[in-house]
Amino acid sequence: MLDAHDHDHDHGHCQEKTLRRVEKACERQGLRMTAPRRQVLNALLDDHVPLTAYELIDKIALTDKRPSPVSVYRALDFLIENGIVHRIESRNAFVVCSHDHAAEGSNAVFLLCETCGVAVEAEPGDLSARIAAIAAATGFQVNSAVLELRGRCRNCLEQEATDAAKAQ
């Protein structure tokens, strides 16, 4: 599983891979990646930390003309609707999807670090089948499921251990 702040994580490669996946998906589905959509996507790709819409606006304004909230929300709606971006419900923030949900279904599991803020999307594995079984037992139809797990990432835990060892 990816730890986005792992010392061995090549974020440039991660960004390129995601852009290629998004471009192929847009081409396959006949979707247009407009300038505002690309601007929002690129701002989100800078890191694995979820950003709110207004944080996105501020981030884009650092390098370009300040976008209107309406244009950012429209871009986010498009990106979410097409499986490119996820909304982290508990933070009301957004992060780029790291999986091809068209192939895997629309379930997602997020590991949210309460120390550094990073969000790592994990593959749900057999969790999707378990969710479907729970729903079927009650006659419920699930359209999507997002599980958010909060705690501390490996790097924050290692840093905490290092700091504790230095304090002794």
Protein backbone atom coordinates (compact mmCIF):
# COMPACT_ATOMS: atom_id res chain seq x y z
CA MET A 1 0.00 0.00 0.00
CA LEU A 2 1.20 3.50 -0.79
CA ASP A 3 2.34 5.75 2.03
CA ALA A 4 2.24 9.11 0.27
CA HIS A 5 4.91 10.61 2.52
CA ASP A 6 7.13 7.55 2.33
CA HIS A 7 10.74 8.45 1.68
CA ASP A 8 10.75 6.15 -1.36
CA HIS A 9 7.56 7.67 -2.84
CA ASP A 10 8.27 9.32 -6.21
CA HIS A 11 5.54 11.97 -6.21
CA GLY A 12 6.49 13.21 -9.70
CA HIS A 13 5.90 9.71 -11.08
CA CYS A 14 2.67 9.53 -9.09
CA GLN A 15 1.45 12.79 -10.66
CA GLU A 16 2.40 11.72 -14.19
CA LYS A 17 0.72 8.33 -13.80
CA THR A 18 -2.48 9.95 -12.51
CA LEU A 19 -2.53 12.52 -15.33
CA ARG A 20 -2.09 9.76 -17.93
CA ARG A 21 -4.92 7.73 -16.34
CA VAL A 22 -7.19 10.79 -16.25
CA GLU A 23 -6.41 11.76 -19.85
CA LYS A 24 -7.11 8.20 -21.07
CA ALA A 25 -10.37 8.07 -19.11
CA CYS A 26 -11.50 11.42 -20.54
CA GLU A 27 -10.59 10.33 -24.06
CA ARG A 28 -12.37 6.99 -23.64
CA GLN A 29 -15.53 8.67 -22.29
CA GLY A 30 -15.45 11.67 -24.66
CA LEU A 31 -14.99 14.15 -21.80
CA ARG A 32 -13.33 17.55 -22.06
CA MET A 33 -10.64 18.50 -19.58
CA THR A 34 -11.16 22.27 -19.66
CA ALA A 35 -8.61 24.75 -18.31
CA PRO A 36 -10.46 25.28 -14.98
CA ARG A 37 -10.83 21.51 -14.49
CA ARG A 38 -7.14 20.95 -15.23
CA GLN A 39 -6.21 23.82 -12.90
CA VAL A 40 -8.14 22.25 -10.00
CA LEU A 41 -6.76 18.78 -10.79
CA ASN A 42 -3.17 20.06 -10.90
CA ALA A 43 -3.61 21.88 -7.59
CA LEU A 44 -4.88 18.66 -5.99
CA LEU A 45 -2.04 16.64 -7.53
CA ASP A 46 0.61 18.71 -5.74
CA ASP A 47 0.23 16.63 -2.60
CA HIS A 48 -1.77 13.81 -1.05
CA VAL A 49 -3.31 16.14 1.53
CA PRO A 50 -7.01 16.80 0.87
CA LEU A 51 -7.91 20.44 0.21
CA THR A 52 -11.16 22.30 0.70
CA ALA A 53 -12.57 24.30 -2.20
CA TYR A 54 -11.36 27.55 -0.67
CA GLU A 55 -7.89 26.13 -0.04
CA LEU A 56 -7.86 25.19 -3.73
CA ILE A 57 -8.84 28.73 -4.68
CA ASP A 58 -6.02 30.15 -2.53
CA LYS A 59 -3.51 27.65 -3.92
CA ILE A 60 -4.41 28.39 -7.54
CA ALA A 61 -4.24 32.14 -6.81
CA LEU A 62 -0.57 31.76 -5.85
CA THR A 63 0.40 31.04 -9.48
CA ASP A 64 -2.54 32.22 -11.59
CA LYS A 65 -5.58 34.45 -11.60
CA ARG A 66 -7.81 33.79 -8.57
CA PRO A 67 -10.66 31.53 -9.75
CA SER A 68 -14.23 32.13 -8.64
CA PRO A 69 -15.72 29.70 -6.13
CA VAL A 70 -18.37 28.76 -8.71
CA SER A 71 -15.76 27.70 -11.27
CA VAL A 72 -13.88 25.63 -8.68
CA TYR A 73 -17.06 23.91 -7.47
CA ARG A 74 -18.10 23.18 -11.07
CA ALA A 75 -14.68 21.68 -11.78
CA LEU A 76 -14.87 19.61 -8.59
CA ASP A 77 -18.37 18.39 -9.49
CA PHE A 78 -17.10 17.24 -12.90
CA LEU A 79 -14.00 15.59 -11.41
CA ILE A 80 -16.03 13.78 -8.74
CA GLU A 81 -18.77 12.73 -11.15
CA ASN A 82 -16.18 11.16 -13.42
CA GLY A 83 -14.27 9.31 -10.71
CA ILE A 84 -11.18 11.52 -10.85
CA VAL A 85 -11.50 13.12 -7.42
CA HIS A 86 -13.01 11.97 -4.11
CA ARG A 87 -14.62 14.10 -1.44
CA ILE A 88 -13.36 13.32 2.04
CA GLU A 89 -16.65 13.72 3.90
CA SER A 90 -15.23 14.23 7.39
CA ARG A 91 -12.99 17.10 6.21
CA ASN A 92 -15.25 18.49 3.46
CA ALA A 93 -12.12 18.34 1.35
CA PHE A 94 -11.04 16.77 -1.94
CA VAL A 95 -8.27 14.44 -3.03
CA VAL A 96 -7.32 12.91 -6.38
CA CYS A 97 -8.46 9.32 -6.81
CA SER A 98 -5.58 6.88 -7.03
CA HIS A 99 -7.57 3.96 -8.47
CA ASP A 100 -9.54 3.21 -11.60
CA HIS A 101 -12.99 2.88 -10.06
CA ALA A 102 -14.57 2.12 -13.41
CA ALA A 103 -12.78 -1.20 -13.24
CA GLU A 104 -13.01 -1.73 -9.48
CA GLY A 105 -16.42 -0.36 -8.49
CA SER A 106 -17.15 2.83 -6.62
CA ASN A 107 -16.06 1.83 -3.11
CA ALA A 108 -13.13 3.57 -1.46
CA VAL A 109 -11.17 3.29 1.76
CA PHE A 110 -9.16 6.26 3.01
CA LEU A 111 -6.46 6.23 5.67
CA LEU A 112 -6.40 9.77 7.08
CA CYS A 113 -3.38 10.86 9.13
CA GLU A 114 -4.47 13.12 11.98
CA THR A 115 -0.91 14.43 12.40
CA CYS A 116 0.29 15.45 8.91
CA GLY A 117 -3.08 15.47 7.10
CA VAL A 118 -2.15 13.03 4.34
CA ALA A 119 -4.93 10.89 2.83
CA VAL A 120 -4.02 7.54 1.34
CA GLU A 121 -6.57 5.66 -0.74
CA ALA A 122 -6.38 1.94 -0.11
CA GLU A 123 -7.84 -0.79 -2.30
CA PRO A 124 -11.04 -2.09 -0.69
CA GLY A 125 -10.29 -5.72 -1.62
CA ASP A 126 -13.00 -8.07 -0.40
CA LEU A 127 -14.61 -5.23 1.58
CA SER A 128 -16.77 -4.42 -1.46
CA ALA A 129 -18.20 -7.95 -1.43
CA ARG A 130 -18.86 -7.73 2.31
CA ILE A 131 -20.66 -4.39 1.90
CA ALA A 132 -22.78 -5.86 -0.90
CA ALA A 133 -23.68 -8.86 1.31
CA ILE A 134 -24.67 -6.62 4.23
CA ALA A 135 -26.82 -4.49 1.94
CA ALA A 136 -28.40 -7.52 0.24
CA ALA A 137 -29.37 -8.97 3.62
CA THR A 138 -31.52 -5.90 4.25
CA GLY A 139 -32.69 -5.34 0.68
CA PHE A 140 -30.64 -2.15 0.39
CA GLN A 141 -28.96 -1.06 -2.85
CA VAL A 142 -25.58 0.59 -2.31
CA ASN A 143 -24.49 3.13 -4.93
CA SER A 144 -21.13 3.83 -3.34
CA ALA A 145 -19.34 3.33 -0.05
CA VAL A 146 -16.51 5.38 1.42
CA LEU A 147 -14.77 4.29 4.59
CA GLU A 148 -12.54 6.79 6.39
CA LEU A 149 -10.02 5.44 8.89
CA ARG A 150 -8.33 8.06 11.07
CA GLY A 151 -5.02 7.60 12.82
CA ARG A 152 -1.34 8.26 12.13
CA CYS A 153 0.70 7.36 9.05
CA ARG A 154 3.94 5.39 9.15
CA ASN A 155 6.12 8.49 8.79
CA CYS A 156 4.40 10.32 11.65
CA LEU A 157 4.71 7.21 13.85
CA GLU A 158 8.41 6.89 12.96
CA GLN A 159 8.97 10.58 13.67
CA GLU A 160 7.19 10.24 17.00
CA ALA A 161 9.42 7.27 17.92
CA THR A 162 12.54 9.19 16.88
CA ASP A 163 11.50 12.23 18.92
CA ALA A 164 10.75 10.03 21.94
CA ALA A 165 14.15 8.32 21.67
CA LYS A 166 15.92 11.72 21.48
CA ALA A 167 14.02 12.94 24.54
CA GLN A 168 15.33 10.04 26.67
